Amino acid sequence: MSMIITFIILVVFWIFMSGLLDPWHFGLGLLSCALVSYMSHDLLFQDFKLRPKLTEYRRFIQYLPWLLYQIYLANIYVVKLALSPRMQEKIYPHVVKFKSRLKNELALVVFADSITLTPGTITVLLEDDIFYVHAIDIGVTESLPGEMEERVGHIFGED
């Protein structure tokens, strides 16, 4: 079952990205998607239990608009910082270390990726539940782990 779902996801993504529906390209796309699905379906769905996963998927989809808004706000912040006449005084690159309350391995990865997607921060290292995040200034790290960690925890039922 997980292989079929992986195949469907890949085919939809392939059609969206390529837009080539002539028989030659579409056939090669289907063949490629089938091969990748066969080799890697267990990576996407390790413990395939549909009901709990549907809740996680729904929560993740609800999380995306908030994350995109945070990315937008962070972009505005970084642009203001970069265009500031006192930029040299405001920028203070540093690495901050903090412990996350998240336990689920996938939740930790989603949280690390969410941090990295937000301009001004990059997750440099994740060891167990300890995060090392490079930040462009002090203001960016004040909210870590914060609301983002809570929202990611909610996705995976770690409220």
Protein backbone atom coordinates (compact mmCIF):
# COMPACT_ATOMS: atom_id res chain seq x y z
CA MET A 1 0.00 0.00 0.00
CA SER A 2 2.81 2.43 0.86
CA MET A 3 4.41 1.81 -2.53
CA ILE A 4 1.17 2.72 -4.34
CA ILE A 5 0.73 5.93 -2.35
CA THR A 6 4.39 6.86 -2.93
CA PHE A 7 3.93 6.19 -6.65
CA ILE A 8 0.81 8.40 -6.82
CA ILE A 9 2.57 11.24 -4.98
CA LEU A 10 5.57 11.03 -7.32
CA VAL A 11 3.44 10.92 -10.47
CA VAL A 12 1.40 13.95 -9.41
CA PHE A 13 4.60 15.83 -8.54
CA TRP A 14 6.25 14.77 -11.81
CA ILE A 15 3.27 15.95 -13.89
CA PHE A 16 3.17 19.24 -11.99
CA MET A 17 6.89 19.86 -12.44
CA SER A 18 7.36 18.65 -16.02
CA GLY A 19 4.03 19.33 -17.69
CA LEU A 20 5.03 16.90 -20.45
CA LEU A 21 2.11 14.62 -21.25
CA ASP A 22 3.11 13.23 -24.64
CA PRO A 23 3.35 9.41 -24.65
CA TRP A 24 7.17 9.27 -24.68
CA HIS A 25 7.80 11.62 -21.75
CA PHE A 26 4.77 10.49 -19.77
CA GLY A 27 5.81 6.85 -20.17
CA LEU A 28 9.36 7.59 -19.02
CA GLY A 29 7.94 9.59 -16.11
CA LEU A 30 5.71 6.70 -15.04
CA LEU A 31 8.63 4.27 -15.33
CA SER A 32 10.88 6.54 -13.29
CA CYS A 33 8.22 7.06 -10.63
CA ALA A 34 7.61 3.31 -10.41
CA LEU A 35 11.32 2.60 -10.00
CA VAL A 36 11.80 5.27 -7.34
CA SER A 37 8.64 4.11 -5.52
CA TYR A 38 9.88 0.53 -5.49
CA MET A 39 13.29 1.52 -4.11
CA SER A 40 12.21 4.10 -1.56
CA HIS A 41 8.58 3.65 -0.48
CA ASP A 42 9.68 2.52 2.98
CA LEU A 43 11.52 5.82 3.52
CA LEU A 44 8.37 7.90 3.21
CA PHE A 45 6.12 5.50 5.10
CA GLN A 46 8.15 3.59 7.69
CA ASP A 47 5.27 2.40 9.88
CA PHE A 48 2.33 2.48 7.53
CA LYS A 49 -0.77 3.05 9.63
CA LEU A 50 -3.16 5.17 7.62
CA ARG A 51 -5.43 6.60 10.34
CA PRO A 52 -2.75 8.26 12.56
CA LYS A 53 -0.88 9.47 9.49
CA LEU A 54 -3.97 11.21 8.10
CA THR A 55 -4.17 13.29 11.28
CA GLU A 56 -0.49 14.21 10.94
CA TYR A 57 -0.94 15.11 7.27
CA ARG A 58 -3.96 17.28 8.05
CA ARG A 59 -2.12 19.04 10.86
CA PHE A 60 0.96 19.51 8.68
CA ILE A 61 -1.13 21.08 5.91
CA GLN A 62 -2.67 23.42 8.50
CA TYR A 63 0.89 24.29 9.69
CA LEU A 64 2.11 25.30 6.22
CA PRO A 65 0.25 28.65 5.94
CA TRP A 66 1.61 29.70 9.33
CA LEU A 67 5.14 28.66 8.30
CA LEU A 68 4.87 30.53 5.00
CA TYR A 69 3.73 33.63 6.88
CA GLN A 70 6.72 33.30 9.24
CA ILE A 71 9.04 32.98 6.24
CA TYR A 72 7.47 36.13 4.78
CA LEU A 73 7.95 38.04 8.06
CA ALA A 74 11.54 36.84 8.38
CA ASN A 75 12.27 37.96 4.81
CA ILE A 76 10.97 41.44 5.63
CA TYR A 77 13.09 41.49 8.80
CA VAL A 78 16.27 40.43 6.98
CA VAL A 79 15.69 42.98 4.19
CA LYS A 80 15.23 45.75 6.77
CA LEU A 81 18.38 44.58 8.53
CA ALA A 82 20.39 44.46 5.29
CA LEU A 83 19.20 47.88 4.11
CA SER A 84 19.63 49.58 7.45
CA PRO A 85 22.24 52.35 7.51
CA ARG A 86 23.48 50.86 10.81
CA MET A 87 23.68 47.33 9.44
CA GLN A 88 27.20 46.75 10.83
CA GLU A 89 25.95 47.47 14.35
CA LYS A 90 22.78 45.39 14.07
CA ILE A 91 24.16 42.19 12.54
CA TYR A 92 25.60 39.84 15.15
CA PRO A 93 26.09 36.38 13.64
CA HIS A 94 26.26 33.68 16.29
CA VAL A 95 25.29 30.11 17.08
CA VAL A 96 22.67 29.44 19.71
CA LYS A 97 22.24 26.07 21.42
CA PHE A 98 18.94 24.89 22.89
CA LYS A 99 17.21 21.68 23.91
CA SER A 100 13.95 20.74 22.23
CA ARG A 101 11.09 19.05 24.02
CA LEU A 102 10.23 17.11 20.85
CA LYS A 103 10.93 13.37 20.95
CA ASN A 104 9.64 12.11 17.59
CA GLU A 105 12.53 11.90 15.11
CA LEU A 106 10.43 13.21 12.22
CA ALA A 107 9.16 16.08 14.39
CA LEU A 108 12.77 17.07 15.15
CA VAL A 109 13.61 17.05 11.43
CA VAL A 110 10.51 19.09 10.50
CA PHE A 111 11.40 21.59 13.24
CA ALA A 112 15.03 21.81 12.05
CA ASP A 113 13.90 22.30 8.44
CA SER A 114 11.35 24.93 9.48
CA ILE A 115 14.10 26.87 11.26
CA THR A 116 16.35 26.65 8.21
CA LEU A 117 13.58 27.76 5.85
CA THR A 118 13.13 30.93 7.87
CA PRO A 119 15.58 33.60 6.61
CA GLY A 120 18.19 34.66 9.12
CA THR A 121 18.54 31.22 10.71
CA ILE A 122 20.14 27.92 9.75
CA THR A 123 20.06 24.70 11.74
CA VAL A 124 23.74 23.79 11.79
CA LEU A 125 23.56 20.62 13.87
CA LEU A 126 20.95 18.42 15.51
CA GLU A 127 22.26 15.95 18.09
CA ASP A 128 19.49 13.92 19.72
CA ASP A 129 17.25 16.77 20.90
CA ILE A 130 19.93 19.50 21.06
CA PHE A 131 19.79 22.13 18.31
CA TYR A 132 22.64 24.36 17.17
CA VAL A 133 21.23 27.23 15.13
CA HIS A 134 23.24 29.93 13.38
CA ALA A 135 21.43 33.26 13.48
CA ILE A 136 22.07 36.60 11.83
CA ASP A 137 21.40 38.59 15.02
CA ILE A 138 20.09 38.36 18.58
CA GLY A 139 16.51 39.30 17.63
CA VAL A 140 16.10 36.23 15.47
CA THR A 141 17.02 33.78 18.23
CA GLU A 142 14.74 35.28 20.90
CA SER A 143 11.80 33.26 19.61
CA LEU A 144 13.62 29.91 19.58
CA PRO A 145 12.34 27.29 20.27
CA GLY A 146 9.01 29.01 20.96
CA GLU A 147 5.81 28.84 18.96
CA MET A 148 7.34 26.99 16.02
CA GLU A 149 8.31 24.08 18.27
CA GLU A 150 4.82 24.02 19.79
CA ARG A 151 3.17 23.93 16.36
CA VAL A 152 5.46 21.16 15.11
CA GLY A 153 4.81 19.24 18.33
CA HIS A 154 1.07 19.55 17.69
CA ILE A 155 1.48 18.01 14.23
CA PHE A 156 2.97 14.86 15.73
CA GLY A 157 0.78 14.74 18.82
CA GLU A 158 3.41 15.97 21.27
CA ASP A 159 1.20 18.67 22.80
